[in-house]
Protein backbone atom coordinates (compact mmCIF):
# COMPACT_ATOMS: atom_id res chain seq x y z
CA UNK A 1 13.82 -4.16 -42.52
CA UNK A 2 16.54 -1.85 -43.61
CA UNK A 3 18.15 -1.03 -46.92
CA UNK A 4 21.68 0.30 -47.36
CA UNK A 5 22.89 2.96 -49.68
CA UNK A 6 26.49 4.09 -50.47
CA UNK A 7 26.33 6.59 -47.76
CA UNK A 8 26.69 5.13 -44.13
CA UNK A 9 22.89 5.46 -43.44
CA UNK A 10 20.40 3.31 -41.59
CA UNK A 11 17.21 4.03 -43.58
CA UNK A 12 14.05 3.36 -41.74
CA UNK A 13 11.42 1.98 -44.31
CA UNK A 14 7.75 3.24 -43.95
CA UNK A 15 6.09 1.09 -41.32
CA UNK A 16 9.21 -0.06 -39.46
CA UNK A 17 9.99 0.62 -35.84
CA UNK A 18 11.09 4.11 -35.10
CA UNK A 19 13.53 2.70 -32.62
CA UNK A 20 15.80 1.12 -35.30
CA UNK A 21 18.48 3.65 -35.09
CA UNK A 22 22.04 3.00 -36.25
CA UNK A 23 24.39 2.37 -33.37
CA UNK A 24 22.40 4.28 -30.75
CA UNK A 25 19.54 3.93 -28.33
CA UNK A 26 16.23 4.97 -29.76
CA UNK A 27 16.12 8.68 -30.62
CA UNK A 28 12.48 8.86 -29.89
CA UNK A 29 12.74 7.59 -26.43
CA UNK A 30 14.65 10.53 -25.09
CA UNK A 31 12.89 13.24 -23.07
CA UNK A 32 12.00 16.37 -25.01
CA UNK A 33 13.96 19.32 -24.14
CA UNK A 34 13.47 23.01 -24.14
CA UNK A 35 13.85 24.65 -27.46
CA UNK A 36 17.32 26.33 -27.47
CA UNK A 37 17.68 30.11 -27.59
CA UNK A 38 19.26 31.43 -30.72
CA UNK A 39 19.05 30.55 -34.40
CA UNK A 40 20.73 27.08 -34.28
CA UNK A 41 19.86 23.63 -32.97
CA UNK A 42 22.15 20.74 -32.58
CA UNK A 43 21.72 17.28 -34.01
CA UNK A 44 21.54 15.98 -30.42
CA UNK A 45 18.63 18.20 -29.66
CA UNK A 46 16.89 17.50 -32.82
CA UNK A 47 17.21 13.72 -32.38
CA UNK A 48 15.68 14.02 -28.91
CA UNK A 49 12.69 16.16 -30.03
CA UNK A 50 11.48 14.61 -33.37
CA UNK A 51 8.13 13.49 -32.08
CA UNK A 52 7.15 16.94 -30.67
CA UNK A 53 4.08 18.14 -32.33
CA UNK A 54 5.17 21.78 -32.01
CA UNK A 55 8.37 21.13 -34.01
CA UNK A 56 8.29 20.91 -37.81
CA UNK A 57 11.51 19.69 -39.60
CA UNK A 58 11.85 20.95 -43.01
CA UNK A 59 14.35 19.73 -45.59
CA UNK A 60 15.57 22.21 -48.23
CA UNK A 61 17.94 20.50 -50.63
CA UNK A 62 18.98 21.16 -54.17
CA UNK A 63 19.87 17.62 -55.40
CA UNK A 64 17.05 15.88 -56.95
CA UNK A 65 15.76 12.63 -55.25
CA UNK A 66 17.83 13.25 -52.22
CA UNK A 67 14.77 13.69 -49.93
CA UNK A 68 12.93 10.82 -51.54
CA UNK A 69 15.77 8.37 -50.78
CA UNK A 70 16.10 9.12 -47.26
CA UNK A 71 15.41 12.00 -44.92
CA UNK A 72 15.26 12.90 -41.20
CA UNK A 73 12.20 11.18 -39.93
CA UNK A 74 9.17 13.24 -39.92
CA UNK A 75 10.63 15.99 -42.21
CA UNK A 76 8.61 17.52 -45.00
CA UNK A 77 10.22 18.53 -48.27
CA UNK A 78 10.50 22.03 -49.46
CA UNK A 79 12.20 22.02 -52.97
CA UNK A 80 14.60 24.94 -53.44
CA UNK A 81 13.85 25.11 -57.30
CA UNK A 82 10.12 24.52 -57.16
CA UNK A 83 8.82 25.72 -53.70
CA UNK A 84 10.95 28.59 -52.56
CA UNK A 85 11.56 30.32 -55.89
CA UNK A 86 8.97 31.57 -58.40
CA UNK A 87 8.60 29.07 -61.25
CA UNK A 88 8.18 31.78 -63.92
CA UNK A 89 10.10 34.90 -62.78
CA UNK A 90 13.41 35.10 -61.28
CA UNK A 91 12.18 35.80 -57.85
CA UNK A 92 11.51 34.30 -54.44
CA UNK A 93 8.41 32.37 -53.94
CA UNK A 94 5.40 34.77 -53.78
CA UNK A 95 3.38 35.48 -50.58
CA UNK A 96 0.31 33.53 -51.47
CA UNK A 97 2.28 30.36 -52.59
CA UNK A 98 4.41 30.61 -49.44
CA UNK A 99 1.29 30.59 -47.27
CA UNK A 100 0.01 27.65 -49.00
CA UNK A 101 3.46 25.79 -48.71
CA UNK A 102 3.51 26.30 -44.96
CA UNK A 103 -0.12 25.41 -44.50
CA UNK A 104 0.41 22.17 -46.40
CA UNK A 105 3.38 21.51 -44.19
CA UNK A 106 1.35 21.77 -40.91
CA UNK A 107 3.13 24.94 -39.90
CA UNK A 108 1.31 27.38 -37.41
CA UNK A 109 2.42 30.52 -35.51
CA UNK A 110 3.30 28.23 -32.67
CA UNK A 111 5.41 25.99 -34.65
CA UNK A 112 9.25 25.84 -34.11
CA UNK A 113 10.67 25.24 -37.73
CA UNK A 114 13.98 23.44 -37.99
CA UNK A 115 15.59 23.79 -41.56
CA UNK A 116 18.30 21.64 -42.84
CA UNK A 117 19.60 20.41 -46.20
CA UNK A 118 22.42 19.34 -48.42
CA UNK A 119 25.46 21.15 -49.82
CA UNK A 120 26.47 22.62 -46.51
CA UNK A 121 23.16 23.91 -45.61
CA UNK A 122 23.30 26.56 -48.26
CA UNK A 123 19.89 26.16 -49.51
CA UNK A 124 18.39 25.63 -45.99
CA UNK A 125 20.03 28.93 -45.20
CA UNK A 126 18.09 30.42 -48.21
CA UNK A 127 15.13 28.86 -46.69
CA UNK A 128 15.84 30.67 -43.47
CA UNK A 129 16.18 33.95 -45.28
CA UNK A 130 12.93 33.48 -47.16
CA UNK A 131 11.23 32.57 -43.95
CA UNK A 132 12.57 35.71 -42.31
CA UNK A 133 11.33 37.82 -45.28
CA UNK A 134 7.96 36.62 -44.57
CA UNK A 135 8.11 37.09 -40.90
CA UNK A 136 7.89 33.43 -39.77
CA UNK A 137 8.80 33.27 -36.10
CA UNK A 138 10.82 30.51 -34.31
CA UNK A 139 12.88 29.38 -37.19
CA UNK A 140 16.05 27.46 -36.53
CA UNK A 141 18.85 25.90 -38.74
CA UNK A 142 20.23 22.48 -37.98
CA UNK A 143 23.77 23.09 -37.19
CA UNK A 144 25.92 21.00 -39.63
CA UNK A 145 22.83 20.08 -41.80
CA UNK A 146 22.65 16.66 -43.49
CA UNK A 147 26.33 16.33 -43.54
CA UNK A 148 26.55 16.25 -39.76
CA UNK A 149 23.32 14.13 -39.23
CA UNK A 150 24.52 11.50 -41.70
CA UNK A 151 28.20 11.41 -40.44
CA UNK A 152 26.74 10.61 -36.89
CA UNK A 153 24.71 7.64 -38.36
CA UNK A 154 21.42 9.17 -37.18
CA UNK A 155 18.06 7.84 -38.26
CA UNK A 156 16.62 8.33 -41.77
CA UNK A 157 13.52 7.15 -43.47
CA UNK A 158 11.78 7.54 -46.76
CA UNK A 159 8.38 8.05 -45.66
CA UNK A 160 6.82 11.34 -46.66
CA UNK A 161 4.72 12.45 -43.51
CA UNK A 162 1.18 13.51 -43.71
CA UNK A 163 0.43 16.35 -41.23
CA UNK A 164 -2.80 18.14 -40.70
CA UNK A 165 -2.96 21.22 -42.83
CA UNK A 166 -3.14 24.58 -41.17
CA UNK A 167 -4.21 27.92 -42.43
CA UNK A 168 -0.96 29.88 -42.22
CA UNK A 169 -1.09 33.68 -42.93
CA UNK A 170 1.89 35.85 -43.71
CA UNK A 171 1.92 39.23 -41.57
CA UNK A 172 4.33 41.97 -42.56
CA UNK A 173 6.83 41.21 -45.41
CA UNK A 174 10.29 42.46 -44.46
CA UNK A 175 11.61 43.60 -47.77
CA UNK A 176 14.51 45.12 -45.92
CA UNK A 177 16.34 41.81 -45.82
CA UNK A 178 16.65 41.77 -49.61
CA UNK A 179 19.22 43.78 -51.61
CA UNK A 180 18.54 44.73 -55.26
CA UNK A 181 20.81 45.90 -58.09
CA UNK A 182 20.25 49.43 -57.15
CA UNK A 183 21.31 48.78 -53.46
CA UNK A 184 24.57 47.26 -54.82
CA UNK A 185 25.20 50.13 -57.19
CA UNK A 186 24.49 52.68 -54.31
CA UNK A 187 27.14 50.95 -52.29
CA UNK A 188 29.66 51.10 -55.12
CA UNK A 189 29.02 54.80 -55.65
CA UNK A 190 29.40 55.54 -51.94
CA UNK A 191 25.83 56.63 -51.38
CA UNK A 192 25.59 55.49 -47.76
CA UNK A 193 27.77 53.43 -45.61
CA UNK A 194 26.77 49.97 -46.64
CA UNK A 195 29.52 47.18 -46.97
CA UNK A 196 29.61 44.58 -49.55
CA UNK A 197 30.86 41.00 -48.80
CA UNK A 198 31.59 38.63 -51.50
CA UNK A 199 31.50 35.15 -50.06
CA UNK A 200 32.59 33.22 -53.22
CA UNK A 201 35.99 31.77 -53.67
CA UNK A 202 39.16 33.81 -53.89
CA UNK A 203 39.46 32.66 -57.64
CA UNK A 204 35.92 33.73 -58.47
CA UNK A 205 36.42 37.03 -56.63
CA UNK A 206 39.66 37.62 -58.54
CA UNK A 207 37.92 36.85 -61.73
CA UNK A 208 40.25 33.76 -62.51
CA UNK A 209 37.14 31.51 -62.94
CA UNK A 210 33.52 32.52 -63.73
CA UNK A 211 31.84 29.97 -61.43
CA UNK A 212 32.72 26.98 -59.14
CA UNK A 213 34.05 23.89 -60.81
CA UNK A 214 31.27 21.98 -62.53
CA UNK A 215 28.66 24.79 -62.48
CA UNK A 216 27.29 25.94 -65.78
CA UNK A 217 28.23 29.69 -66.18
CA UNK A 218 25.54 32.20 -66.06
CA UNK A 219 27.51 35.34 -66.25
CA UNK A 220 29.31 37.07 -69.16
CA UNK A 221 32.13 38.80 -66.96
CA UNK A 222 34.05 37.63 -64.14
CA UNK A 223 35.35 39.63 -61.20
CA UNK A 224 33.56 41.29 -58.24
CA UNK A 225 31.59 44.32 -57.26
CA UNK A 226 34.02 47.21 -56.70
CA UNK A 227 34.64 47.76 -52.88
CA UNK A 228 33.34 44.36 -51.90
CA UNK A 229 35.61 42.45 -49.39
CA UNK A 230 36.11 38.72 -49.96
CA UNK A 231 35.32 36.36 -47.03
CA UNK A 232 34.64 32.87 -48.63
CA UNK A 233 31.74 31.33 -46.91
CA UNK A 234 33.51 28.23 -45.86
CA UNK A 235 35.75 30.11 -43.60
CA UNK A 236 32.61 30.45 -41.25
CA UNK A 237 32.22 26.74 -40.51
CA UNK A 238 34.21 23.92 -39.02
CA UNK A 239 35.09 20.76 -40.68
CA UNK A 240 31.81 18.92 -39.70
CA UNK A 241 29.86 21.69 -41.22
CA UNK A 242 28.76 23.54 -38.01
CA UNK A 243 29.28 27.26 -37.52
CA UNK A 244 32.26 28.47 -35.75
CA UNK A 245 31.87 30.01 -32.43
CA UNK A 246 30.39 33.57 -32.07
CA UNK A 247 33.91 34.87 -30.97
CA UNK A 248 35.57 33.28 -33.92
CA UNK A 249 33.01 34.67 -36.42
CA UNK A 250 33.30 38.03 -35.03
CA UNK A 251 37.02 37.94 -35.41
CA UNK A 252 36.80 36.48 -38.99
CA UNK A 253 34.57 39.48 -40.36
CA UNK A 254 36.29 42.13 -38.24
CA UNK A 255 39.55 41.07 -39.79
CA UNK A 256 37.97 41.94 -43.13
CA UNK A 257 36.64 45.33 -41.76
CA UNK A 258 33.03 44.03 -41.11
CA UNK A 259 32.20 44.69 -37.44
CA UNK A 260 28.45 45.25 -37.71
CA UNK A 261 28.75 49.13 -37.21
CA UNK A 262 27.49 49.58 -40.80
CA UNK A 263 24.84 47.82 -42.87
CA UNK A 264 26.01 44.84 -44.89
CA UNK A 265 25.07 43.29 -48.21
CA UNK A 266 26.11 39.68 -48.91
CA UNK A 267 26.38 38.35 -52.35
CA UNK A 268 27.60 35.22 -54.24
CA UNK A 269 26.71 33.93 -57.67
CA UNK A 270 22.80 33.18 -57.37
CA UNK A 271 22.39 34.01 -53.66
CA UNK A 272 22.31 30.53 -51.87
CA UNK A 273 25.97 30.75 -50.52
CA UNK A 274 25.48 34.38 -49.58
CA UNK A 275 22.32 33.23 -47.56
CA UNK A 276 24.76 31.09 -45.50
CA UNK A 277 26.92 34.14 -44.68
CA UNK A 278 23.75 36.28 -44.29
CA UNK A 279 22.65 33.84 -41.59
CA UNK A 280 25.98 34.01 -39.85
CA UNK A 281 26.25 37.78 -39.87
CA UNK A 282 22.51 38.33 -39.12
CA UNK A 283 21.18 35.51 -36.99
CA UNK A 284 24.40 34.62 -35.03
CA UNK A 285 26.12 37.92 -34.84
CA UNK A 286 23.00 40.17 -35.02
CA UNK A 287 24.44 42.52 -37.64
CA UNK A 288 22.16 44.44 -40.18
CA UNK A 289 22.43 42.46 -43.30
CA UNK A 290 20.75 42.19 -46.64
CA UNK A 291 21.18 39.26 -49.02
CA UNK A 292 21.56 40.10 -52.61
CA UNK A 293 19.98 37.06 -54.37
CA UNK A 294 20.53 38.54 -57.91
CA UNK A 295 24.24 38.34 -56.96
CA UNK A 296 26.96 37.92 -59.68
CA UNK A 297 24.55 36.41 -62.31
CA UNK A 298 22.65 39.86 -62.24
CA UNK A 299 25.39 42.26 -61.52
CA UNK A 300 27.95 40.60 -63.76
CA UNK A 301 25.51 40.56 -66.68
CA UNK A 302 24.14 44.13 -66.29
CA UNK A 303 24.89 46.83 -68.89
CA UNK A 304 26.94 49.88 -67.71
CA UNK A 305 27.79 48.71 -64.25
CA UNK A 306 31.35 48.93 -62.97
CA UNK A 307 33.25 45.86 -62.12
CA UNK A 308 36.66 44.98 -60.59
CA UNK A 309 38.55 42.20 -62.35
CA UNK A 310 42.03 41.73 -61.24
CA UNK A 311 42.46 38.76 -63.42
CA UNK A 312 41.59 40.75 -66.41
CA UNK A 313 39.10 37.96 -67.73
CA UNK A 314 36.44 39.66 -69.88
CA UNK A 315 34.05 37.57 -72.06
CA UNK A 316 35.91 34.38 -70.95
CA UNK A 317 39.06 35.63 -72.69
CA UNK A 318 42.07 37.77 -71.68
């Protein structure tokens, strides 16, 4: 039995045969393949390896109800709002809560974790960043995310899996992956050689708009951090949402003066889009990168810090 939605999905209802895949041979019948080197896995690889007990697929999406309606078979749900962020403070999820989350999801030290999500994998990339902060090994991002998986009419179902819990423990926490307001200010003041990369749209960077269209504004001032170069996140991906080749990424950032020879800080508005660029620069190109999750909502609201506002928009007025 199947149900159809507005999207071109074939949704597998709990209890139906796993082989009911839209327009393709059964994904689960394929022979498992070696885990690819590097930080990405393709939709083809994941489709052929969904039943492997040493692979855990985790969805990190931001739109409510998306996972519940349909998700990659066997995927567990980590809510960006409720699971990977502190519910009281503006902070990433704490160490103990993160350990509980991974334990409940059946993740062990030997698990290959594949993260994916909606909205161009922004929040899945945030997940990859948080996983890296807490030293989780063997973490991959599904290249193209939900967008590509759905465009290829691959299998989805609405069943929440029930895996045996583990006792996951975090080792060393890598705080060097996270930039703070002080780090951004140090870069502005020339204390060190750190380069700032603003990955927002050109209009946000120039101060013509305070936030992307349809997003409630969270900052008082518009513009960008002085000295930051603007490389919008979308330039790093192809039309299908997959990352561009390593060579193309190297050229893209080198053209903006970012070649990996100096430490880098990425930022956006709340840290999710900048996580995507952090992933490209850090995990694909191997550069030394920190993600500034405070981003413009912290910097743009901070008292006494310098900003660059070419559009001259202050307090939402000229």
